[in-house]
C-alpha atoms as a PDB file:
ATOM      1  CA  MET A   1       2.752  81.788 -18.025  1.00  0.00           C
ATOM      2  CA  LYS A   2       5.928  80.691 -16.272  1.00  0.00           C
ATOM      3  CA  LYS A   3       3.943  80.130 -13.044  1.00  0.00           C
ATOM      4  CA  LEU A   4       1.372  78.078 -14.965  1.00  0.00           C
ATOM      5  CA  ILE A   5       4.080  75.897 -16.512  1.00  0.00           C
ATOM      6  CA  LEU A   6       5.667  75.336 -13.095  1.00  0.00           C
ATOM      7  CA  SER A   7       2.300  74.458 -11.585  1.00  0.00           C
ATOM      8  CA  LEU A   8       1.553  71.994 -14.393  1.00  0.00           C
ATOM      9  CA  SER A   9       4.986  70.417 -14.035  1.00  0.00           C
ATOM     10  CA  PHE A  10       4.502  70.052 -10.291  1.00  0.00           C
ATOM     11  CA  ALA A  11       1.059  68.474 -10.810  1.00  0.00           C
ATOM     12  CA  ILE A  12       2.455  65.989 -13.346  1.00  0.00           C
ATOM     13  CA  CYS A  13       5.216  65.017 -10.919  1.00  0.00           C
ATOM     14  CA  LEU A  14       2.645  64.413  -8.191  1.00  0.00           C
ATOM     15  CA  LEU A  15       0.564  62.221 -10.506  1.00  0.00           C
ATOM     16  CA  GLN A  16       3.625  60.232 -11.536  1.00  0.00           C
ATOM     17  CA  ALA A  17       4.604  59.755  -7.906  1.00  0.00           C
ATOM     18  CA  ALA A  18       1.079  58.566  -7.053  1.00  0.00           C
ATOM     19  CA  ASP A  19       1.147  56.101  -9.962  1.00  0.00           C
ATOM     20  CA  ALA A  20       4.533  54.788  -8.837  1.00  0.00           C
ATOM     21  CA  GLN A  21       3.247  54.237  -5.297  1.00  0.00           C
ATOM     22  CA  GLN A  22       0.326  52.181  -6.628  1.00  0.00           C
ATOM     23  CA  LEU A  23       2.388  50.049  -8.992  1.00  0.00           C
ATOM     24  CA  ARG A  24       3.121  46.585  -7.687  1.00  0.00           C
ATOM     25  CA  THR A  25       5.187  44.019  -9.530  1.00  0.00           C
ATOM     26  CA  PRO A  26       6.188  40.440  -8.623  1.00  0.00           C
ATOM     27  CA  ALA A  27       9.111  40.220  -6.205  1.00  0.00           C
ATOM     28  CA  PRO A  28      12.210  38.731  -7.870  1.00  0.00           C
ATOM     29  CA  SER A  29      12.963  36.825  -4.651  1.00  0.00           C
ATOM     30  CA  PRO A  30       9.579  36.285  -2.990  1.00  0.00           C
ATOM     31  CA  ALA A  31       9.457  35.990   0.784  1.00  0.00           C
ATOM     32  CA  THR A  32       7.943  32.981   2.490  1.00  0.00           C
ATOM     33  CA  THR A  33       7.469  31.530   5.957  1.00  0.00           C
ATOM     34  CA  ILE A  34       7.286  27.820   6.709  1.00  0.00           C
ATOM     35  CA  LYS A  35       5.961  26.503   9.994  1.00  0.00           C
ATOM     36  CA  GLN A  36       6.434  22.908  11.048  1.00  0.00           C
ATOM     37  CA  GLU A  37       4.707  21.325  14.033  1.00  0.00           C
ATOM     38  CA  PHE A  38       7.462  19.447  15.833  1.00  0.00           C
ATOM     39  CA  ALA A  39       7.756  17.649  19.175  1.00  0.00           C
ATOM     40  CA  LEU A  40       5.538  19.662  21.563  1.00  0.00           C
ATOM     41  CA  SER A  41       5.692  22.983  19.705  1.00  0.00           C
ATOM     42  CA  ASN A  42       6.639  24.430  16.277  1.00  0.00           C
ATOM     43  CA  VAL A  43       9.671  25.471  14.271  1.00  0.00           C
ATOM     44  CA  GLU A  44       9.278  28.434  11.925  1.00  0.00           C
ATOM     45  CA  VAL A  45      11.618  29.738   9.200  1.00  0.00           C
ATOM     46  CA  SER A  46      11.201  33.068   7.388  1.00  0.00           C
ATOM     47  CA  TYR A  47      13.304  33.637   4.270  1.00  0.00           C
ATOM     48  CA  SER A  48      13.306  34.856   0.667  1.00  0.00           C
ATOM     49  CA  ARG A  49      13.638  32.607  -2.386  1.00  0.00           C
ATOM     50  CA  PRO A  50      15.981  33.831  -5.130  1.00  0.00           C
ATOM     51  CA  ALA A  51      16.044  32.022  -8.481  1.00  0.00           C
ATOM     52  CA  MET A  52      19.026  30.809 -10.522  1.00  0.00           C
ATOM     53  CA  ARG A  53      17.879  32.511 -13.753  1.00  0.00           C
ATOM     54  CA  GLY A  54      20.664  30.840 -15.677  1.00  0.00           C
ATOM     55  CA  ARG A  55      23.346  31.934 -13.228  1.00  0.00           C
ATOM     56  CA  LYS A  56      26.008  29.814 -11.555  1.00  0.00           C
ATOM     57  CA  VAL A  57      25.102  29.905  -7.855  1.00  0.00           C
ATOM     58  CA  PHE A  58      27.522  28.270  -5.430  1.00  0.00           C
ATOM     59  CA  GLY A  59      31.096  29.355  -5.852  1.00  0.00           C
ATOM     60  CA  ASP A  60      29.972  32.370  -7.916  1.00  0.00           C
ATOM     61  CA  LEU A  61      26.736  34.205  -7.049  1.00  0.00           C
ATOM     62  CA  VAL A  62      27.108  32.798  -3.531  1.00  0.00           C
ATOM     63  CA  PRO A  63      30.872  32.700  -2.865  1.00  0.00           C
ATOM     64  CA  PHE A  64      32.469  29.813  -1.038  1.00  0.00           C
ATOM     65  CA  GLY A  65      33.982  30.566   2.355  1.00  0.00           C
ATOM     66  CA  LYS A  66      31.907  33.679   3.111  1.00  0.00           C
ATOM     67  CA  VAL A  67      28.951  34.244   5.415  1.00  0.00           C
ATOM     68  CA  TRP A  68      25.678  34.111   3.485  1.00  0.00           C
ATOM     69  CA  ARG A  69      22.288  35.354   4.657  1.00  0.00           C
ATOM     70  CA  THR A  70      20.905  32.019   3.375  1.00  0.00           C
ATOM     71  CA  GLY A  71      18.388  33.549   1.024  1.00  0.00           C
ATOM     72  CA  ALA A  72      17.840  37.031  -0.367  1.00  0.00           C
ATOM     73  CA  ASN A  73      16.481  40.411   0.713  1.00  0.00           C
ATOM     74  CA  ASN A  74      16.020  40.444   4.498  1.00  0.00           C
ATOM     75  CA  ALA A  75      17.881  38.222   6.941  1.00  0.00           C
ATOM     76  CA  THR A  76      16.704  34.634   7.267  1.00  0.00           C
ATOM     77  CA  THR A  77      15.404  33.718  10.733  1.00  0.00           C
ATOM     78  CA  ILE A  78      14.447  30.505  12.503  1.00  0.00           C
ATOM     79  CA  THR A  79      12.303  30.204  15.622  1.00  0.00           C
ATOM     80  CA  PHE A  80      12.250  27.169  17.909  1.00  0.00           C
ATOM     81  CA  GLY A  81       9.255  26.770  20.198  1.00  0.00           C
ATOM     82  CA  GLU A  82      11.217  24.659  22.686  1.00  0.00           C
ATOM     83  CA  ASP A  83      14.779  23.659  23.524  1.00  0.00           C
ATOM     84  CA  VAL A  84      16.321  21.496  20.782  1.00  0.00           C
ATOM     85  CA  MET A  85      19.557  19.949  19.640  1.00  0.00           C
ATOM     86  CA  VAL A  86      20.725  21.225  16.258  1.00  0.00           C
ATOM     87  CA  GLY A  87      23.404  18.845  15.117  1.00  0.00           C
ATOM     88  CA  ASP A  88      25.319  18.234  18.333  1.00  0.00           C
ATOM     89  CA  LYS A  89      24.648  21.721  19.750  1.00  0.00           C
ATOM     90  CA  ALA A  90      22.051  22.534  22.406  1.00  0.00           C
ATOM     91  CA  VAL A  91      19.883  25.474  21.323  1.00  0.00           C
ATOM     92  CA  PRO A  92      17.405  27.113  23.730  1.00  0.00           C
ATOM     93  CA  ALA A  93      13.904  27.993  22.575  1.00  0.00           C
ATOM     94  CA  GLY A  94      13.870  31.354  20.781  1.00  0.00           C
ATOM     95  CA  LYS A  95      14.395  33.219  17.521  1.00  0.00           C
ATOM     96  CA  TYR A  96      17.755  33.226  15.719  1.00  0.00           C
ATOM     97  CA  GLY A  97      19.382  34.413  12.551  1.00  0.00           C
ATOM     98  CA  LEU A  98      20.026  31.475  10.201  1.00  0.00           C
ATOM     99  CA  LEU A  99      23.337  32.010   8.407  1.00  0.00           C
ATOM    100  CA  THR A 100      25.593  29.696   6.452  1.00  0.00           C
ATOM    101  CA  ILE A 101      29.106  29.540   5.080  1.00  0.00           C
ATOM    102  CA  PRO A 102      28.872  27.376   1.933  1.00  0.00           C
ATOM    103  CA  GLY A 103      31.813  25.336   0.740  1.00  0.00           C
ATOM    104  CA  PRO A 104      32.403  22.833  -2.075  1.00  0.00           C
ATOM    105  CA  ALA A 105      32.325  19.783   0.234  1.00  0.00           C
ATOM    106  CA  GLU A 106      30.804  21.059   3.478  1.00  0.00           C
ATOM    107  CA  TRP A 107      28.898  23.985   4.912  1.00  0.00           C
ATOM    108  CA  THR A 108      28.941  25.710   8.260  1.00  0.00           C
ATOM    109  CA  VAL A 109      25.424  26.389   9.507  1.00  0.00           C
ATOM    110  CA  ILE A 110      25.202  29.205  12.046  1.00  0.00           C
ATOM    111  CA  LEU A 111      22.468  30.143  14.492  1.00  0.00           C
ATOM    112  CA  SER A 112      23.085  33.705  15.634  1.00  0.00           C
ATOM    113  CA  LYS A 113      21.578  36.147  18.112  1.00  0.00           C
ATOM    114  CA  GLN A 114      21.768  38.648  15.242  1.00  0.00           C
ATOM    115  CA  LEU A 115      18.456  38.819  13.405  1.00  0.00           C
ATOM    116  CA  ASP A 116      19.439  41.376  10.768  1.00  0.00           C
ATOM    117  CA  VAL A 117      22.573  40.085   9.021  1.00  0.00           C
ATOM    118  CA  THR A 118      22.273  40.650   5.276  1.00  0.00           C
ATOM    119  CA  SER A 119      25.974  40.963   4.407  1.00  0.00           C
ATOM    120  CA  PRO A 120      29.230  39.393   5.624  1.00  0.00           C
ATOM    121  CA  ALA A 121      30.349  42.770   7.009  1.00  0.00           C
ATOM    122  CA  ALA A 122      27.425  42.856   9.448  1.00  0.00           C
ATOM    123  CA  TYR A 123      28.128  39.410  10.901  1.00  0.00           C
ATOM    124  CA  LYS A 124      29.659  39.149  14.394  1.00  0.00           C
ATOM    125  CA  GLN A 125      30.924  35.711  15.318  1.00  0.00           C
ATOM    126  CA  ASP A 126      30.709  36.454  19.045  1.00  0.00           C
ATOM    127  CA  GLN A 127      26.907  36.473  18.634  1.00  0.00           C
ATOM    128  CA  ASP A 128      26.854  32.814  17.559  1.00  0.00           C
ATOM    129  CA  VAL A 129      24.604  30.481  19.509  1.00  0.00           C
ATOM    130  CA  ALA A 130      25.629  27.385  17.556  1.00  0.00           C
ATOM    131  CA  ARG A 131      27.848  26.381  14.638  1.00  0.00           C
ATOM    132  CA  ILE A 132      27.274  23.064  12.899  1.00  0.00           C
ATOM    133  CA  THR A 133      29.322  21.553  10.083  1.00  0.00           C
ATOM    134  CA  VAL A 134      27.382  19.479   7.551  1.00  0.00           C
ATOM    135  CA  LYS A 135      28.252  17.775   4.284  1.00  0.00           C
ATOM    136  CA  ALA A 136      27.217  19.298   0.970  1.00  0.00           C
ATOM    137  CA  GLU A 137      25.426  16.722  -1.170  1.00  0.00           C
ATOM    138  CA  LYS A 138      25.172  16.862  -4.955  1.00  0.00           C
ATOM    139  CA  LEU A 139      21.571  16.553  -6.098  1.00  0.00           C
ATOM    140  CA  PRO A 140      20.462  14.483  -9.113  1.00  0.00           C
ATOM    141  CA  ILE A 141      18.220  17.380 -10.197  1.00  0.00           C
ATOM    142  CA  SER A 142      18.531  21.131 -10.562  1.00  0.00           C
ATOM    143  CA  VAL A 143      16.440  23.294  -8.201  1.00  0.00           C
ATOM    144  CA  GLU A 144      15.593  26.690  -9.695  1.00  0.00           C
ATOM    145  CA  ASN A 145      14.404  28.522  -6.580  1.00  0.00           C
ATOM    146  CA  PHE A 146      16.257  28.504  -3.289  1.00  0.00           C
ATOM    147  CA  MET A 147      14.407  26.327  -0.797  1.00  0.00           C
ATOM    148  CA  ILE A 148      14.400  25.607   2.941  1.00  0.00           C
ATOM    149  CA  LEU A 149      12.176  22.778   4.134  1.00  0.00           C
ATOM    150  CA  PHE A 150      11.731  20.126   6.806  1.00  0.00           C
ATOM    151  CA  ASP A 151      11.966  16.436   5.971  1.00  0.00           C
ATOM    152  CA  ASN A 152      11.854  13.081   7.756  1.00  0.00           C
ATOM    153  CA  VAL A 153       9.691  14.647  10.459  1.00  0.00           C
ATOM    154  CA  GLN A 154       9.394  12.243  13.389  1.00  0.00           C
ATOM    155  CA  PRO A 155       7.963  12.834  16.883  1.00  0.00           C
ATOM    156  CA  THR A 156      11.348  13.909  18.282  1.00  0.00           C
ATOM    157  CA  SER A 157      13.602  14.386  15.253  1.00  0.00           C
ATOM    158  CA  MET A 158      13.623  15.893  11.783  1.00  0.00           C
ATOM    159  CA  ASN A 159      15.979  17.375   9.212  1.00  0.00           C
ATOM    160  CA  LEU A 160      16.246  21.004   8.194  1.00  0.00           C
ATOM    161  CA  GLU A 161      17.038  20.896   4.466  1.00  0.00           C
ATOM    162  CA  ILE A 162      18.676  23.737   2.521  1.00  0.00           C
ATOM    163  CA  VAL A 163      18.507  23.222  -1.237  1.00  0.00           C
ATOM    164  CA  TRP A 164      19.443  25.226  -4.329  1.00  0.00           C
ATOM    165  CA  GLU A 165      20.957  24.660  -7.767  1.00  0.00           C
ATOM    166  CA  ASN A 166      22.292  21.089  -7.549  1.00  0.00           C
ATOM    167  CA  THR A 167      23.405  21.255  -3.901  1.00  0.00           C
ATOM    168  CA  GLY A 168      21.643  20.219  -0.715  1.00  0.00           C
ATOM    169  CA  VAL A 169      22.631  20.207   2.952  1.00  0.00           C
ATOM    170  CA  SER A 170      20.766  18.500   5.778  1.00  0.00           C
ATOM    171  CA  VAL A 171      20.843  19.649   9.408  1.00  0.00           C
ATOM    172  CA  PRO A 172      19.485  17.239  12.062  1.00  0.00           C
ATOM    173  CA  VAL A 173      17.164  18.705  14.699  1.00  0.00           C
ATOM    174  CA  LYS A 174      16.149  16.757  17.806  1.00  0.00           C
ATOM    175  CA  ALA A 175      14.002  17.415  20.863  1.00  0.00           C
ATOM    176  CA  ASP A 176      14.078  15.582  24.189  1.00  0.00           C
ATOM    177  CA  ILE A 177      10.447  15.583  25.293  1.00  0.00           C
ATOM    178  CA  GLU A 178      10.289  12.277  27.176  1.00  0.00           C
ATOM    179  CA  LYS A 179      10.320  13.812  30.667  1.00  0.00           C
ATOM    180  CA  LYS A 180       7.736  16.429  29.694  1.00  0.00           C
ATOM    181  CA  ILE A 181       5.314  13.853  28.306  1.00  0.00           C
ATOM    182  CA  MET A 182       5.734  11.436  31.209  1.00  0.00           C
ATOM    183  CA  SER A 183       5.189  14.310  33.621  1.00  0.00           C
ATOM    184  CA  GLN A 184       2.004  15.259  31.762  1.00  0.00           C
ATOM    185  CA  ILE A 185       0.732  11.686  31.879  1.00  0.00           C
ATOM    186  CA  ASP A 186       1.466  11.364  35.606  1.00  0.00           C
ATOM    187  CA  ASN A 187      -0.276  14.658  36.283  1.00  0.00           C
ATOM    188  CA  LEU A 188      -3.317  14.133  34.057  1.00  0.00           C
ATOM    189  CA  MET A 189      -3.977  10.598  35.272  1.00  0.00           C
ATOM    190  CA  ASN A 190      -4.790  12.148  38.637  1.00  0.00           C
ATOM    191  CA  LYS A 191      -7.485  14.371  37.108  1.00  0.00           C
ATOM    192  CA  ASP A 192     -11.158  13.604  36.539  1.00  0.00           C
ATOM    193  CA  ASN A 193     -10.967  13.679  32.729  1.00  0.00           C
ATOM    194  CA  ARG A 194      -8.121  11.253  32.166  1.00  0.00           C
ATOM    195  CA  PRO A 195      -6.571  10.994  28.654  1.00  0.00           C
ATOM    196  CA  TYR A 196      -6.523   7.193  28.567  1.00  0.00           C
ATOM    197  CA  PHE A 197      -6.357   6.843  24.785  1.00  0.00           C
ATOM    198  CA  ALA A 198      -3.613   9.448  24.227  1.00  0.00           C
ATOM    199  CA  ALA A 199      -1.493   8.016  27.046  1.00  0.00           C
ATOM    200  CA  ALA A 200      -1.983   4.459  25.771  1.00  0.00           C
ATOM    201  CA  MET A 201      -0.985   5.514  22.248  1.00  0.00           C
ATOM    202  CA  TYR A 202       2.200   7.144  23.528  1.00  0.00           C
ATOM    203  CA  TYR A 203       3.148   3.959  25.351  1.00  0.00           C
ATOM    204  CA  LEU A 204       2.253   1.798  22.347  1.00  0.00           C
ATOM    205  CA  GLU A 205       4.206   3.876  19.830  1.00  0.00           C
ATOM    206  CA  ASN A 206       7.282   4.407  22.004  1.00  0.00           C
ATOM    207  CA  GLY A 207       7.954   0.876  23.232  1.00  0.00           C
ATOM    208  CA  LYS A 208       6.853   1.403  26.816  1.00  0.00           C
ATOM    209  CA  ASP A 209       4.917  -0.844  29.207  1.00  0.00           C
ATOM    210  CA  LEU A 210       2.342  -2.501  26.941  1.00  0.00           C
ATOM    211  CA  ASN A 211       0.387  -3.995  29.819  1.00  0.00           C
ATOM    212  CA  LYS A 212      -0.138  -0.536  31.247  1.00  0.00           C
ATOM    213  CA  ALA A 213      -1.070   0.697  27.770  1.00  0.00           C
ATOM    214  CA  LEU A 214      -3.627  -2.114  27.460  1.00  0.00           C
ATOM    215  CA  GLY A 215      -5.186  -1.125  30.765  1.00  0.00           C
ATOM    216  CA  TRP A 216      -5.572   2.414  29.470  1.00  0.00           C
ATOM    217  CA  PHE A 217      -7.024   1.176  26.164  1.00  0.00           C
ATOM    218  CA  ASP A 218      -9.569  -0.807  28.190  1.00  0.00           C
ATOM    219  CA  LYS A 219     -10.517   2.371  30.065  1.00  0.00           C
ATOM    220  CA  ALA A 220     -10.729   4.293  26.776  1.00  0.00           C
ATOM    221  CA  VAL A 221     -13.123   1.663  25.383  1.00  0.00           C
ATOM    222  CA  GLU A 222     -15.258   1.998  28.522  1.00  0.00           C
ATOM    223  CA  GLN A 223     -15.369   5.771  28.019  1.00  0.00           C
ATOM    224  CA  ASN A 224     -16.246   5.571  24.304  1.00  0.00           C
ATOM    225  CA  PRO A 225     -17.429   2.068  23.339  1.00  0.00           C
ATOM    226  CA  SER A 226     -18.441   3.139  19.793  1.00  0.00           C
ATOM    227  CA  PHE A 227     -15.052   4.630  18.841  1.00  0.00           C
ATOM    228  CA  PHE A 228     -13.771   2.143  16.253  1.00  0.00           C
ATOM    229  CA  TRP A 229     -10.276   3.647  16.183  1.00  0.00           C
ATOM    230  CA  VAL A 230      -9.858   2.971  19.905  1.00  0.00           C
ATOM    231  CA  HIS A 231     -10.791  -0.694  19.390  1.00  0.00           C
ATOM    232  CA  HIS A 232      -8.307  -0.855  16.498  1.00  0.00           C
ATOM    233  CA  GLN A 233      -5.395   0.438  18.551  1.00  0.00           C
ATOM    234  CA  ARG A 234      -6.378  -1.839  21.421  1.00  0.00           C
ATOM    235  CA  ALA A 235      -6.176  -4.710  18.909  1.00  0.00           C
ATOM    236  CA  ASN A 236      -2.685  -3.549  17.902  1.00  0.00           C
ATOM    237  CA  CYS A 237      -1.621  -3.511  21.543  1.00  0.00           C
ATOM    238  CA  LEU A 238      -3.030  -6.996  22.136  1.00  0.00           C
ATOM    239  CA  ALA A 239      -1.208  -8.261  19.039  1.00  0.00           C
ATOM    240  CA  LYS A 240       2.103  -6.888  20.305  1.00  0.00           C
ATOM    241  CA  LEU A 241       1.495  -8.585  23.648  1.00  0.00           C
ATOM    242  CA  GLY A 242       0.996 -11.889  21.833  1.00  0.00           C
ATOM    243  CA  LYS A 243      -2.676 -12.137  22.845  1.00  0.00           C
ATOM    244  CA  LYS A 244      -3.738 -13.312  19.415  1.00  0.00           C
ATOM    245  CA  GLN A 245      -7.349 -14.336  20.010  1.00  0.00           C
ATOM    246  CA  GLU A 246      -8.155 -11.194  21.983  1.00  0.00           C
ATOM    247  CA  ALA A 247      -6.531  -9.096  19.251  1.00  0.00           C
ATOM    248  CA  ILE A 248      -8.700 -10.805  16.608  1.00  0.00           C
ATOM    249  CA  ALA A 249     -11.836 -10.132  18.639  1.00  0.00           C
ATOM    250  CA  ALA A 250     -10.882  -6.460  19.104  1.00  0.00           C
ATOM    251  CA  ALA A 251     -10.123  -6.025  15.397  1.00  0.00           C
ATOM    252  CA  ASN A 252     -13.451  -7.598  14.421  1.00  0.00           C
ATOM    253  CA  LYS A 253     -15.274  -5.289  16.820  1.00  0.00           C
ATOM    254  CA  SER A 254     -13.486  -2.323  15.239  1.00  0.00           C
ATOM    255  CA  ILE A 255     -14.568  -3.526  11.774  1.00  0.00           C
ATOM    256  CA  GLU A 256     -18.173  -3.806  12.928  1.00  0.00           C
ATOM    257  CA  LEU A 257     -18.165  -0.250  14.319  1.00  0.00           C
ATOM    258  CA  ALA A 258     -16.229   1.163  11.339  1.00  0.00           C
ATOM    259  CA  LYS A 259     -18.730  -0.319   8.891  1.00  0.00           C
ATOM    260  CA  ALA A 260     -21.598   1.200  10.880  1.00  0.00           C
ATOM    261  CA  ALA A 261     -19.816   4.557  10.658  1.00  0.00           C
ATOM    262  CA  LYS A 262     -19.082   3.981   6.932  1.00  0.00           C
ATOM    263  CA  ASN A 263     -15.354   4.358   7.479  1.00  0.00           C
ATOM    264  CA  ASP A 264     -13.665   2.133   4.910  1.00  0.00           C
ATOM    265  CA  ASP A 265     -10.158   3.186   5.959  1.00  0.00           C
ATOM    266  CA  TYR A 266     -10.434   1.549   9.358  1.00  0.00           C
ATOM    267  CA  VAL A 267     -12.110  -1.496   7.889  1.00  0.00           C
ATOM    268  CA  ALA A 268      -9.030  -1.918   5.683  1.00  0.00           C
ATOM    269  CA  LEU A 269      -6.623  -1.286   8.582  1.00  0.00           C
ATOM    270  CA  ASN A 270      -8.278  -3.962  10.685  1.00  0.00           C
ATOM    271  CA  GLU A 271      -8.340  -6.435   7.806  1.00  0.00           C
ATOM    272  CA  LYS A 272      -4.585  -5.940   7.356  1.00  0.00           C
ATOM    273  CA  LEU A 273      -4.045  -6.526  11.061  1.00  0.00           C
ATOM    274  CA  LEU A 274      -6.193  -9.660  10.978  1.00  0.00           C
ATOM    275  CA  ALA A 275      -4.140 -10.991   8.061  1.00  0.00           C
ATOM    276  CA  THR A 276      -1.038 -10.883  10.279  1.00  0.00           C
ATOM    277  CA  LEU A 277      -2.793 -12.826  13.048  1.00  0.00           C
ATOM    278  CA  LYS A 278      -3.783 -15.876  10.984  1.00  0.00           C
END
């Protein structure tokens, strides 16, 4: 009988263990990864998102003046696909631990070679790649879940935003890609399949030689005479060069092709451009 009772007890324990292994409940601080296309590559952040749940966060749950993992659970990491400037610090492409030291008026943002820091005791300052001081801004709203995001994303600059409770900090990120793009253009223009439209758009949008851009738009039109968006951008280039009548003709051609393709968006874009040329 004693052996039977022991066997039954052991079997019940096994069943309970199996049930426990199968039970899954929502994570209190769910993990997330955000990936932002930026410059000529991507920036990716992996972190966990704790909630306030009625608690006082900064200066209490997250103490001032101490290294914080900048999230919950595992260490927060950030990966840059190319060399960037974070604040005024040069940061090579690679993966880093994203740590912070919050304060009432300003924060220290740290990029570290350490990818596993989850407590102040584990942090080693000699592993820092960059330290940036940023102002802490008071938000007009309360943010329940900790959040990291990218904002004001431009071709070569953006802001890394860290937001929670009623506090936000913004870290500028920049990339110098001018030489890389110009090198690509110089190289590809010597190939058979030349990217006339892409090169012309880069010149148009970045204040470069508009006459050269126009020449490339002309070549792009020759390659694809039915592409209404190419005619539209050629019209924009002509307008910037002060060639009003040619710009009007190009915009009207774009409207004709856009209507044939049933693309109302480009019809509207050309009509707006034409309104500025009257």
